[in-house]
């Protein structure tokens, strides 16, 4: 099976090429990604704990799901595909913000991503894919913010960046979608 490729982009999110995913993470090349945040009507965020055998950030808590767009795939289509693959459901998603971050990992790999944040709403329990997800839970946004400050080591780097830089935006967006 051919290794999955990521979409290389410039700082303006203009596609400049494709590269195998592992090579992009080894070379710390900027590539397109997305992070899905699913809320319920109580303004709680669905968190996932990454599977324990993931190649980076295993066992850490993070947003509902995240991954990389495929060549020719929209951000929304990619988010819906991965939500189904990881969490076993699909819901409507909306594009929110995007940002660039760079995070080196202990295993020598680096995430250097232009990350598109996608928001959605869902009320039921997911049917998690155990190859991708170890566990899941609902948490109020404010509780997540407090827990990240107390226990930063149990959360993924990109999730901490999103919460640090865009907490108010997430909170406003979640409240608007629930009104």
Protein backbone atom coordinates (compact mmCIF):
# COMPACT_ATOMS: atom_id res chain seq x y z
CA UNK A 1 0.00 0.00 0.00
CA UNK A 2 1.33 3.42 -0.96
CA UNK A 3 2.11 5.71 1.95
CA UNK A 4 -0.38 8.50 2.51
CA UNK A 5 0.75 11.85 1.14
CA UNK A 6 0.22 15.26 2.69
CA UNK A 7 -0.39 18.49 0.81
CA UNK A 8 2.57 20.86 1.05
CA UNK A 9 1.51 24.51 1.28
CA UNK A 10 3.01 27.96 1.63
CA UNK A 11 2.05 30.36 4.44
CA UNK A 12 -1.01 31.44 2.41
CA UNK A 13 -2.32 27.85 2.14
CA UNK A 14 -1.45 27.64 -1.56
CA UNK A 15 -0.64 24.05 -2.53
CA UNK A 16 2.98 23.67 -3.68
CA UNK A 17 3.31 19.89 -3.82
CA UNK A 18 2.76 16.51 -2.21
CA UNK A 19 5.04 14.49 0.06
CA UNK A 20 4.78 11.18 1.91
CA UNK A 21 3.44 11.90 5.42
CA UNK A 22 6.38 10.46 7.33
CA UNK A 23 8.90 12.33 5.17
CA UNK A 24 7.05 15.61 5.78
CA UNK A 25 7.17 14.98 9.53
CA UNK A 26 10.85 13.99 9.41
CA UNK A 27 11.77 17.13 7.42
CA UNK A 28 9.36 19.47 9.28
CA UNK A 29 7.85 20.69 5.99
CA UNK A 30 4.75 22.92 6.18
CA UNK A 31 1.65 20.96 5.16
CA UNK A 32 -2.13 21.27 5.35
CA UNK A 33 -4.04 19.66 8.24
CA UNK A 34 -7.35 19.95 10.05
CA UNK A 35 -8.66 19.66 13.60
CA UNK A 36 -12.32 18.84 14.25
CA UNK A 37 -14.05 20.12 17.38
CA UNK A 38 -17.45 18.55 18.12
CA UNK A 39 -19.72 20.12 20.75
CA UNK A 40 -22.99 18.99 22.28
CA UNK A 41 -25.93 21.20 23.28
CA UNK A 42 -24.45 21.58 26.79
CA UNK A 43 -21.40 23.33 25.26
CA UNK A 44 -19.19 20.35 26.09
CA UNK A 45 -16.35 19.38 23.78
CA UNK A 46 -15.88 15.75 22.70
CA UNK A 47 -12.26 14.86 23.43
CA UNK A 48 -10.43 11.80 22.23
CA UNK A 49 -7.45 10.05 23.74
CA UNK A 50 -5.12 9.02 20.94
CA UNK A 51 -4.44 5.30 20.59
CA UNK A 52 -1.43 4.09 22.56
CA UNK A 53 0.45 2.92 19.46
CA UNK A 54 0.18 6.15 17.39
CA UNK A 55 3.53 7.17 15.88
CA UNK A 56 3.45 10.48 17.76
CA UNK A 57 1.56 11.78 20.78
CA UNK A 58 0.27 8.30 21.76
CA UNK A 59 -2.18 8.25 24.67
CA UNK A 60 -2.54 12.04 24.79
CA UNK A 61 -5.89 13.81 24.93
CA UNK A 62 -6.87 16.06 22.05
CA UNK A 63 -9.77 17.48 20.05
CA UNK A 64 -12.43 15.19 18.57
CA UNK A 65 -10.30 14.18 15.58
CA UNK A 66 -7.61 15.52 13.28
CA UNK A 67 -5.65 14.48 10.24
CA UNK A 68 -4.51 15.61 6.81
CA UNK A 69 -6.52 16.46 3.73
CA UNK A 70 -5.96 14.31 0.66
CA UNK A 71 -5.07 15.84 -2.69
CA UNK A 72 -8.22 17.40 -4.15
CA UNK A 73 -10.26 16.97 -0.94
CA UNK A 74 -11.93 19.97 0.71
CA UNK A 75 -11.35 20.70 4.40
CA UNK A 76 -14.98 19.80 5.19
CA UNK A 77 -14.89 16.54 3.21
CA UNK A 78 -11.62 15.57 4.90
CA UNK A 79 -13.03 16.35 8.34
CA UNK A 80 -16.19 14.33 7.70
CA UNK A 81 -14.14 11.38 6.34
CA UNK A 82 -11.82 11.30 9.33
CA UNK A 83 -14.61 11.81 11.85
CA UNK A 84 -16.25 8.67 10.43
CA UNK A 85 -12.95 6.73 10.40
CA UNK A 86 -11.91 7.65 13.96
CA UNK A 87 -15.15 8.31 15.86
CA UNK A 88 -17.73 6.36 13.87
CA UNK A 89 -20.14 9.18 13.04
CA UNK A 90 -20.63 12.05 10.63
CA UNK A 91 -22.17 15.45 11.28
CA UNK A 92 -22.23 18.82 9.56
CA UNK A 93 -19.00 20.78 9.92
CA UNK A 94 -18.20 24.46 9.49
CA UNK A 95 -14.84 26.02 8.79
CA UNK A 96 -13.65 28.27 11.57
CA UNK A 97 -10.10 29.58 11.91
CA UNK A 98 -6.74 28.42 10.58
CA UNK A 99 -3.23 28.89 11.91
CA UNK A 100 0.35 27.67 11.48
CA UNK A 101 2.21 25.87 14.23
CA UNK A 102 5.41 23.87 14.57
CA UNK A 103 5.89 21.23 17.27
CA UNK A 104 8.88 18.87 17.55
CA UNK A 105 8.33 15.47 19.19
CA UNK A 106 10.62 13.26 21.27
CA UNK A 107 10.81 10.69 18.45
CA UNK A 108 12.54 13.14 16.08
CA UNK A 109 9.41 13.96 14.07
CA UNK A 110 7.98 17.48 13.78
CA UNK A 111 4.46 18.65 13.05
CA UNK A 112 4.63 21.82 10.94
CA UNK A 113 1.08 22.42 9.88
CA UNK A 114 -1.33 24.96 8.53
CA UNK A 115 -4.23 23.67 10.60
CA UNK A 116 -7.87 24.34 9.67
CA UNK A 117 -10.22 24.19 12.67
CA UNK A 118 -13.63 22.68 11.86
CA UNK A 119 -16.61 22.89 14.20
CA UNK A 120 -19.66 20.65 14.48
CA UNK A 121 -22.41 19.47 16.80
CA UNK A 122 -23.34 15.93 17.88
CA UNK A 123 -25.32 14.54 20.78
CA UNK A 124 -24.77 10.77 20.80
CA UNK A 125 -21.91 8.52 21.82
CA UNK A 126 -19.27 7.82 19.19
CA UNK A 127 -18.33 4.32 18.03
CA UNK A 128 -14.57 4.70 18.31
CA UNK A 129 -12.03 2.97 16.09
CA UNK A 130 -9.69 1.34 18.65
CA UNK A 131 -6.77 1.49 16.17
CA UNK A 132 -7.02 5.29 16.28
CA UNK A 133 -8.68 6.16 19.59
CA UNK A 134 -8.06 4.74 23.09
CA UNK A 135 -10.94 6.56 24.80
CA UNK A 136 -13.21 9.61 24.63
CA UNK A 137 -15.16 11.95 26.91
CA UNK A 138 -17.27 15.12 26.95
CA UNK A 139 -15.77 18.08 28.86
CA UNK A 140 -16.95 21.67 29.31
CA UNK A 141 -14.61 24.12 27.55
CA UNK A 142 -13.71 25.92 30.76
CA UNK A 143 -12.80 22.61 32.44
CA UNK A 144 -10.55 21.72 29.48
CA UNK A 145 -8.83 25.10 29.74
CA UNK A 146 -8.20 24.61 33.47
CA UNK A 147 -7.01 21.01 33.02
CA UNK A 148 -4.55 22.02 30.27
CA UNK A 149 -3.00 24.55 32.67
CA UNK A 150 -2.76 21.94 35.45
CA UNK A 151 -1.78 18.91 33.31
CA UNK A 152 -0.26 20.13 30.03
CA UNK A 153 1.68 16.87 29.59
CA UNK A 154 -1.53 14.86 28.92
CA UNK A 155 -2.60 16.96 25.89
CA UNK A 156 -1.32 17.13 22.30
CA UNK A 157 0.76 20.11 21.24
CA UNK A 158 -1.67 21.36 18.58
CA UNK A 159 -4.59 21.14 21.00
CA UNK A 160 -2.72 23.29 23.54
CA UNK A 161 -1.89 25.83 20.81
CA UNK A 162 -5.53 26.02 19.72
CA UNK A 163 -6.69 26.49 23.31
CA UNK A 164 -4.03 29.08 24.11
CA UNK A 165 -4.57 31.18 20.97
CA UNK A 166 -8.22 30.60 20.09
CA UNK A 167 -10.09 29.71 23.30
CA UNK A 168 -12.35 32.77 23.11
CA UNK A 169 -13.15 32.04 19.47
CA UNK A 170 -14.01 28.40 20.25
CA UNK A 171 -16.14 29.44 23.19
CA UNK A 172 -18.06 32.04 21.19
CA UNK A 173 -18.52 29.62 18.25
CA UNK A 174 -19.73 26.82 20.52
CA UNK A 175 -22.22 29.12 22.24
CA UNK A 176 -23.53 30.44 18.91
CA UNK A 177 -24.09 26.94 17.54
CA UNK A 178 -26.01 25.96 20.67
CA UNK A 179 -28.37 28.95 20.74
